[in-house]
PDB file of all heavy atoms in Angstrom:
ATOM      1  N   THR A   1       4.728   8.364   7.773  1.00  0.00           N
ATOM      2  CA  THR A   1       3.389   8.884   7.495  1.00  0.00           C
ATOM      3  C   THR A   1       3.193   9.032   5.991  1.00  0.00           C
ATOM      4  O   THR A   1       2.144   8.641   5.447  1.00  0.00           O
ATOM      5  CB  THR A   1       3.176  10.241   8.200  1.00  0.00           C
ATOM      6  OG1 THR A   1       3.342  10.064   9.604  1.00  0.00           O
ATOM      7  CG2 THR A   1       1.792  10.818   7.918  1.00  0.00           C
ATOM      8  N   ILE A   2       4.189   9.575   5.304  1.00  0.00           N
ATOM      9  CA  ILE A   2       4.071   9.779   3.856  1.00  0.00           C
ATOM     10  C   ILE A   2       3.988   8.435   3.135  1.00  0.00           C
ATOM     11  O   ILE A   2       3.188   8.273   2.202  1.00  0.00           O
ATOM     12  CB  ILE A   2       5.243  10.627   3.317  1.00  0.00           C
ATOM     13  CG1 ILE A   2       5.226  12.027   3.935  1.00  0.00           C
ATOM     14  CG2 ILE A   2       5.198  10.717   1.793  1.00  0.00           C
ATOM     15  CD1 ILE A   2       3.975  12.839   3.676  1.00  0.00           C
ATOM     16  N   SER A   3       4.768   7.443   3.549  1.00  0.00           N
ATOM     17  CA  SER A   3       4.698   6.121   2.912  1.00  0.00           C
ATOM     18  C   SER A   3       3.301   5.524   3.051  1.00  0.00           C
ATOM     19  O   SER A   3       2.740   4.993   2.078  1.00  0.00           O
ATOM     20  CB  SER A   3       5.731   5.170   3.533  1.00  0.00           C
ATOM     21  OG  SER A   3       7.038   5.567   3.205  1.00  0.00           O
ATOM     22  N   ALA A   4       2.721   5.609   4.245  1.00  0.00           N
ATOM     23  CA  ALA A   4       1.369   5.086   4.448  1.00  0.00           C
ATOM     24  C   ALA A   4       0.349   5.895   3.647  1.00  0.00           C
ATOM     25  O   ALA A   4      -0.589   5.328   3.079  1.00  0.00           O
ATOM     26  CB  ALA A   4       1.024   5.095   5.935  1.00  0.00           C
ATOM     27  N   LEU A   5       0.545   7.212   3.579  1.00  0.00           N
ATOM     28  CA  LEU A   5      -0.330   8.057   2.763  1.00  0.00           C
ATOM     29  C   LEU A   5      -0.236   7.629   1.298  1.00  0.00           C
ATOM     30  O   LEU A   5      -1.258   7.532   0.603  1.00  0.00           O
ATOM     31  CB  LEU A   5       0.046   9.533   2.925  1.00  0.00           C
ATOM     32  CG  LEU A   5      -0.720  10.529   2.055  1.00  0.00           C
ATOM     33  CD1 LEU A   5      -2.207  10.547   2.410  1.00  0.00           C
ATOM     34  CD2 LEU A   5      -0.114  11.929   2.206  1.00  0.00           C
ATOM     35  N   GLN A   6       0.972   7.354   0.823  1.00  0.00           N
ATOM     36  CA  GLN A   6       1.143   6.912  -0.563  1.00  0.00           C
ATOM     37  C   GLN A   6       0.432   5.580  -0.806  1.00  0.00           C
ATOM     38  O   GLN A   6      -0.201   5.403  -1.855  1.00  0.00           O
ATOM     39  CB  GLN A   6       2.636   6.783  -0.896  1.00  0.00           C
ATOM     40  CG  GLN A   6       3.324   8.130  -1.008  1.00  0.00           C
ATOM     41  CD  GLN A   6       4.838   8.031  -1.090  1.00  0.00           C
ATOM     42  OE1 GLN A   6       5.450   7.102  -0.546  1.00  0.00           O
ATOM     43  NE2 GLN A   6       5.454   8.996  -1.758  1.00  0.00           N
ATOM     44  N   ARG A   7       0.497   4.650   0.146  1.00  0.00           N
ATOM     45  CA  ARG A   7      -0.233   3.389  -0.004  1.00  0.00           C
ATOM     46  C   ARG A   7      -1.732   3.650  -0.088  1.00  0.00           C
ATOM     47  O   ARG A   7      -2.436   3.065  -0.921  1.00  0.00           O
ATOM     48  CB  ARG A   7       0.085   2.440   1.154  1.00  0.00           C
ATOM     49  CG  ARG A   7       1.402   1.705   0.991  1.00  0.00           C
ATOM     50  CD  ARG A   7       1.589   0.591   2.019  1.00  0.00           C
ATOM     51  NE  ARG A   7       1.805   1.098   3.361  1.00  0.00           N
ATOM     52  CZ  ARG A   7       2.983   1.545   3.806  1.00  0.00           C
ATOM     53  NH1 ARG A   7       4.039   1.559   3.023  1.00  0.00           N
ATOM     54  NH2 ARG A   7       3.091   1.985   5.043  1.00  0.00           N
ATOM     55  N   PHE A   8      -2.226   4.530   0.772  1.00  0.00           N
ATOM     56  CA  PHE A   8      -3.645   4.901   0.755  1.00  0.00           C
ATOM     57  C   PHE A   8      -4.031   5.487  -0.608  1.00  0.00           C
ATOM     58  O   PHE A   8      -5.037   5.084  -1.209  1.00  0.00           O
ATOM     59  CB  PHE A   8      -3.923   5.907   1.882  1.00  0.00           C
ATOM     60  CG  PHE A   8      -5.226   6.643   1.766  1.00  0.00           C
ATOM     61  CD1 PHE A   8      -6.440   5.981   1.858  1.00  0.00           C
ATOM     62  CD2 PHE A   8      -5.247   8.017   1.582  1.00  0.00           C
ATOM     63  CE1 PHE A   8      -7.644   6.667   1.758  1.00  0.00           C
ATOM     64  CE2 PHE A   8      -6.437   8.713   1.484  1.00  0.00           C
ATOM     65  CZ  PHE A   8      -7.642   8.032   1.573  1.00  0.00           C
ATOM     66  N   LEU A   9      -3.227   6.414  -1.100  1.00  0.00           N
ATOM     67  CA  LEU A   9      -3.545   7.084  -2.368  1.00  0.00           C
ATOM     68  C   LEU A   9      -3.419   6.136  -3.558  1.00  0.00           C
ATOM     69  O   LEU A   9      -4.165   6.257  -4.539  1.00  0.00           O
ATOM     70  CB  LEU A   9      -2.626   8.298  -2.554  1.00  0.00           C
ATOM     71  CG  LEU A   9      -2.779   9.412  -1.512  1.00  0.00           C
ATOM     72  CD1 LEU A   9      -1.655  10.430  -1.648  1.00  0.00           C
ATOM     73  CD2 LEU A   9      -4.150  10.083  -1.614  1.00  0.00           C
ATOM     74  N   LYS A  10      -2.515   5.177  -3.474  1.00  0.00           N
ATOM     75  CA  LYS A  10      -2.295   4.214  -4.561  1.00  0.00           C
ATOM     76  C   LYS A  10      -3.363   3.126  -4.563  1.00  0.00           C
ATOM     77  O   LYS A  10      -3.921   2.788  -5.607  1.00  0.00           O
ATOM     78  CB  LYS A  10      -0.909   3.591  -4.415  1.00  0.00           C
ATOM     79  CG  LYS A  10      -0.501   2.700  -5.577  1.00  0.00           C
ATOM     80  CD  LYS A  10       0.941   2.247  -5.421  1.00  0.00           C
ATOM     81  CE  LYS A  10       1.634   2.401  -6.759  1.00  0.00           C
ATOM     82  NZ  LYS A  10       3.063   2.198  -6.690  1.00  0.00           N
ATOM     83  N   ASN A  11      -3.659   2.568  -3.402  1.00  0.00           N
ATOM     84  CA  ASN A  11      -4.545   1.411  -3.315  1.00  0.00           C
ATOM     85  C   ASN A  11      -6.020   1.752  -3.343  1.00  0.00           C
ATOM     86  O   ASN A  11      -6.853   0.844  -3.412  1.00  0.00           O
ATOM     87  CB  ASN A  11      -4.228   0.606  -2.055  1.00  0.00           C
ATOM     88  CG  ASN A  11      -2.822   0.044  -2.080  1.00  0.00           C
ATOM     89  OD1 ASN A  11      -2.239  -0.159  -3.136  1.00  0.00           O
ATOM     90  ND2 ASN A  11      -2.268  -0.203  -0.897  1.00  0.00           N
ATOM     91  N   ASN A  12      -6.352   3.027  -3.263  1.00  0.00           N
ATOM     92  CA  ASN A  12      -7.768   3.416  -3.215  1.00  0.00           C
ATOM     93  C   ASN A  12      -8.184   4.285  -4.392  1.00  0.00           C
ATOM     94  O   ASN A  12      -9.200   4.965  -4.325  1.00  0.00           O
ATOM     95  CB  ASN A  12      -8.066   4.118  -1.886  1.00  0.00           C
ATOM     96  CG  ASN A  12      -8.003   3.133  -0.739  1.00  0.00           C
ATOM     97  OD1 ASN A  12      -8.893   2.330  -0.552  1.00  0.00           O
ATOM     98  ND2 ASN A  12      -6.911   3.162   0.001  1.00  0.00           N
ATOM     99  N   GLY A  13      -7.394   4.272  -5.439  1.00  0.00           N
ATOM    100  CA  GLY A  13      -7.806   4.930  -6.674  1.00  0.00           C
ATOM    101  C   GLY A  13      -7.718   6.443  -6.688  1.00  0.00           C
ATOM    102  O   GLY A  13      -8.440   7.089  -7.442  1.00  0.00           O
ATOM    103  N   TRP A  14      -6.831   7.007  -5.892  1.00  0.00           N
ATOM    104  CA  TRP A  14      -6.713   8.468  -5.873  1.00  0.00           C
ATOM    105  C   TRP A  14      -5.658   8.979  -6.857  1.00  0.00           C
ATOM    106  O   TRP A  14      -5.363  10.160  -6.890  1.00  0.00           O
ATOM    107  CB  TRP A  14      -6.426   8.972  -4.456  1.00  0.00           C
ATOM    108  CG  TRP A  14      -7.537   8.612  -3.522  1.00  0.00           C
ATOM    109  CD1 TRP A  14      -7.483   7.741  -2.480  1.00  0.00           C
ATOM    110  CD2 TRP A  14      -8.882   9.072  -3.571  1.00  0.00           C
ATOM    111  NE1 TRP A  14      -8.709   7.632  -1.882  1.00  0.00           N
ATOM    112  CE2 TRP A  14      -9.602   8.448  -2.536  1.00  0.00           C
ATOM    113  CE3 TRP A  14      -9.580   9.955  -4.412  1.00  0.00           C
ATOM    114  CZ2 TRP A  14     -10.947   8.670  -2.305  1.00  0.00           C
ATOM    115  CZ3 TRP A  14     -10.932  10.176  -4.164  1.00  0.00           C
ATOM    116  CH2 TRP A  14     -11.592   9.539  -3.132  1.00  0.00           C
ATOM    117  N   GLY A  15      -5.092   8.094  -7.661  1.00  0.00           N
ATOM    118  CA  GLY A  15      -4.225   8.525  -8.747  1.00  0.00           C
ATOM    119  C   GLY A  15      -2.737   8.491  -8.472  1.00  0.00           C
ATOM    120  O   GLY A  15      -1.955   8.930  -9.310  1.00  0.00           O
ATOM    121  N   TYR A  16      -2.323   7.958  -7.335  1.00  0.00           N
ATOM    122  CA  TYR A  16      -0.887   7.877  -7.085  1.00  0.00           C
ATOM    123  C   TYR A  16      -0.345   6.638  -7.776  1.00  0.00           C
ATOM    124  O   TYR A  16      -0.824   5.526  -7.551  1.00  0.00           O
ATOM    125  CB  TYR A  16      -0.577   7.828  -5.581  1.00  0.00           C
ATOM    126  CG  TYR A  16       0.910   7.822  -5.312  1.00  0.00           C
ATOM    127  CD1 TYR A  16       1.684   8.935  -5.614  1.00  0.00           C
ATOM    128  CD2 TYR A  16       1.542   6.700  -4.805  1.00  0.00           C
ATOM    129  CE1 TYR A  16       3.055   8.939  -5.395  1.00  0.00           C
ATOM    130  CE2 TYR A  16       2.905   6.690  -4.571  1.00  0.00           C
ATOM    131  CZ  TYR A  16       3.660   7.812  -4.874  1.00  0.00           C
ATOM    132  OH  TYR A  16       5.010   7.805  -4.670  1.00  0.00           O
ATOM    133  N   THR A  17       0.675   6.832  -8.621  1.00  0.00           N
ATOM    134  CA  THR A  17       1.254   5.718  -9.372  1.00  0.00           C
ATOM    135  C   THR A  17       2.742   5.540  -9.092  1.00  0.00           C
ATOM    136  O   THR A  17       3.376   4.653  -9.654  1.00  0.00           O
ATOM    137  CB  THR A  17       1.053   5.924 -10.886  1.00  0.00           C
ATOM    138  OG1 THR A  17       1.668   7.164 -11.269  1.00  0.00           O
ATOM    139  CG2 THR A  17      -0.429   5.947 -11.253  1.00  0.00           C
ATOM    140  N   GLY A  18       3.301   6.356  -8.241  1.00  0.00           N
ATOM    141  CA  GLY A  18       4.733   6.291  -7.958  1.00  0.00           C
ATOM    142  C   GLY A  18       5.086   5.194  -6.971  1.00  0.00           C
ATOM    143  O   GLY A  18       4.237   4.403  -6.551  1.00  0.00           O
ATOM    144  N   SER A  19       6.350   5.171  -6.605  1.00  0.00           N
ATOM    145  CA  SER A  19       6.814   4.178  -5.633  1.00  0.00           C
ATOM    146  C   SER A  19       6.472   4.643  -4.216  1.00  0.00           C
ATOM    147  O   SER A  19       6.247   5.825  -3.966  1.00  0.00           O
ATOM    148  CB  SER A  19       8.321   3.960  -5.777  1.00  0.00           C
ATOM    149  OG  SER A  19       9.010   5.157  -5.511  1.00  0.00           O
ATOM    150  N   ILE A  20       6.432   3.702  -3.309  1.00  0.00           N
ATOM    151  CA  ILE A  20       6.191   3.999  -1.892  1.00  0.00           C
ATOM    152  C   ILE A  20       7.561   4.329  -1.305  1.00  0.00           C
ATOM    153  O   ILE A  20       8.288   3.452  -0.851  1.00  0.00           O
ATOM    154  CB  ILE A  20       5.538   2.802  -1.164  1.00  0.00           C
ATOM    155  CG1 ILE A  20       4.291   2.318  -1.900  1.00  0.00           C
ATOM    156  CG2 ILE A  20       5.244   3.155   0.295  1.00  0.00           C
ATOM    157  CD1 ILE A  20       3.191   3.340  -2.055  1.00  0.00           C
ATOM    158  N   ASP A  21       7.916   5.618  -1.360  1.00  0.00           N
ATOM    159  CA  ASP A  21       9.266   6.029  -0.976  1.00  0.00           C
ATOM    160  C   ASP A  21       9.306   6.991   0.209  1.00  0.00           C
ATOM    161  O   ASP A  21      10.376   7.388   0.649  1.00  0.00           O
ATOM    162  CB  ASP A  21       9.991   6.651  -2.169  1.00  0.00           C
ATOM    163  CG  ASP A  21       9.281   7.878  -2.736  1.00  0.00           C
ATOM    164  OD1 ASP A  21       8.290   8.357  -2.140  1.00  0.00           O
ATOM    165  OD2 ASP A  21       9.730   8.356  -3.795  1.00  0.00           O
ATOM    166  N   GLY A  22       8.146   7.381   0.724  1.00  0.00           N
ATOM    167  CA  GLY A  22       8.113   8.276   1.879  1.00  0.00           C
ATOM    168  C   GLY A  22       8.445   9.721   1.565  1.00  0.00           C
ATOM    169  O   GLY A  22       8.657  10.514   2.470  1.00  0.00           O
ATOM    170  N   ILE A  23       8.480  10.066   0.279  1.00  0.00           N
ATOM    171  CA  ILE A  23       8.784  11.437  -0.134  1.00  0.00           C
ATOM    172  C   ILE A  23       7.530  12.040  -0.752  1.00  0.00           C
ATOM    173  O   ILE A  23       6.972  11.484  -1.699  1.00  0.00           O
ATOM    174  CB  ILE A  23       9.946  11.466  -1.153  1.00  0.00           C
ATOM    175  CG1 ILE A  23      11.206  10.868  -0.508  1.00  0.00           C
ATOM    176  CG2 ILE A  23      10.192  12.881  -1.664  1.00  0.00           C
ATOM    177  CD1 ILE A  23      12.325  10.596  -1.492  1.00  0.00           C
ATOM    178  N   ALA A  24       7.109  13.176  -0.229  1.00  0.00           N
ATOM    179  CA  ALA A  24       5.874  13.820  -0.700  1.00  0.00           C
ATOM    180  C   ALA A  24       6.170  14.680  -1.926  1.00  0.00           C
ATOM    181  O   ALA A  24       6.089  15.898  -1.880  1.00  0.00           O
ATOM    182  CB  ALA A  24       5.258  14.645   0.411  1.00  0.00           C
ATOM    183  N   GLY A  25       6.509  14.021  -3.025  1.00  0.00           N
ATOM    184  CA  GLY A  25       6.810  14.723  -4.266  1.00  0.00           C
ATOM    185  C   GLY A  25       5.554  15.118  -5.018  1.00  0.00           C
ATOM    186  O   GLY A  25       4.433  15.006  -4.507  1.00  0.00           O
ATOM    187  N   PRO A  26       5.709  15.573  -6.246  1.00  0.00           N
ATOM    188  CA  PRO A  26       4.574  16.051  -7.043  1.00  0.00           C
ATOM    189  C   PRO A  26       3.481  15.008  -7.253  1.00  0.00           C
ATOM    190  O   PRO A  26       2.297  15.341  -7.224  1.00  0.00           O
ATOM    191  CB  PRO A  26       5.200  16.447  -8.380  1.00  0.00           C
ATOM    192  CG  PRO A  26       6.663  16.540  -8.154  1.00  0.00           C
ATOM    193  CD  PRO A  26       6.983  15.728  -6.949  1.00  0.00           C
ATOM    194  N   GLY A  27       3.854  13.738  -7.459  1.00  0.00           N
ATOM    195  CA  GLY A  27       2.843  12.695  -7.650  1.00  0.00           C
ATOM    196  C   GLY A  27       2.009  12.480  -6.400  1.00  0.00           C
ATOM    197  O   GLY A  27       0.789  12.319  -6.470  1.00  0.00           O
ATOM    198  N   THR A  28       2.664  12.470  -5.250  1.00  0.00           N
ATOM    199  CA  THR A  28       1.954  12.305  -3.975  1.00  0.00           C
ATOM    200  C   THR A  28       1.023  13.487  -3.753  1.00  0.00           C
ATOM    201  O   THR A  28      -0.149  13.313  -3.395  1.00  0.00           O
ATOM    202  CB  THR A  28       2.960  12.196  -2.809  1.00  0.00           C
ATOM    203  OG1 THR A  28       3.851  11.109  -3.055  1.00  0.00           O
ATOM    204  CG2 THR A  28       2.248  12.000  -1.479  1.00  0.00           C
ATOM    205  N   GLN A  29       1.533  14.692  -3.976  1.00  0.00           N
ATOM    206  CA  GLN A  29       0.725  15.892  -3.748  1.00  0.00           C
ATOM    207  C   GLN A  29      -0.462  15.955  -4.702  1.00  0.00           C
ATOM    208  O   GLN A  29      -1.567  16.333  -4.301  1.00  0.00           O
ATOM    209  CB  GLN A  29       1.595  17.135  -3.862  1.00  0.00           C
ATOM    210  CG  GLN A  29       2.577  17.238  -2.710  1.00  0.00           C
ATOM    211  CD  GLN A  29       3.377  18.526  -2.712  1.00  0.00           C
ATOM    212  OE1 GLN A  29       2.930  19.538  -3.221  1.00  0.00           O
ATOM    213  NE2 GLN A  29       4.567  18.485  -2.129  1.00  0.00           N
ATOM    214  N   SER A  30      -0.259  15.569  -5.954  1.00  0.00           N
ATOM    215  CA  SER A  30      -1.352  15.588  -6.928  1.00  0.00           C
ATOM    216  C   SER A  30      -2.460  14.610  -6.522  1.00  0.00           C
ATOM    217  O   SER A  30      -3.650  14.949  -6.559  1.00  0.00           O
ATOM    218  CB  SER A  30      -0.810  15.234  -8.314  1.00  0.00           C
ATOM    219  OG  SER A  30      -1.859  15.163  -9.245  1.00  0.00           O
ATOM    220  N   ALA A  31      -2.076  13.399  -6.123  1.00  0.00           N
ATOM    221  CA  ALA A  31      -3.069  12.412  -5.692  1.00  0.00           C
ATOM    222  C   ALA A  31      -3.765  12.858  -4.405  1.00  0.00           C
ATOM    223  O   ALA A  31      -4.972  12.649  -4.236  1.00  0.00           O
ATOM    224  CB  ALA A  31      -2.394  11.049  -5.502  1.00  0.00           C
ATOM    225  N   PHE A  32      -3.015  13.493  -3.501  1.00  0.00           N
ATOM    226  CA  PHE A  32      -3.603  13.995  -2.262  1.00  0.00           C
ATOM    227  C   PHE A  32      -4.641  15.076  -2.572  1.00  0.00           C
ATOM    228  O   PHE A  32      -5.695  15.143  -1.937  1.00  0.00           O
ATOM    229  CB  PHE A  32      -2.505  14.518  -1.337  1.00  0.00           C
ATOM    230  CG  PHE A  32      -2.928  14.770   0.083  1.00  0.00           C
ATOM    231  CD1 PHE A  32      -3.716  13.881   0.788  1.00  0.00           C
ATOM    232  CD2 PHE A  32      -2.490  15.911   0.748  1.00  0.00           C
ATOM    233  CE1 PHE A  32      -4.090  14.108   2.114  1.00  0.00           C
ATOM    234  CE2 PHE A  32      -2.856  16.158   2.066  1.00  0.00           C
ATOM    235  CZ  PHE A  32      -3.656  15.255   2.739  1.00  0.00           C
TER     236      PHE A  32
END
């Protein structure tokens, strides 16, 4: 779920720039 969320946040301009690693770290949370 987190990996797909990261793809969503990265590919749709929500500011995620990290790797698709399935870990909801600070970058994932900030973009979310």
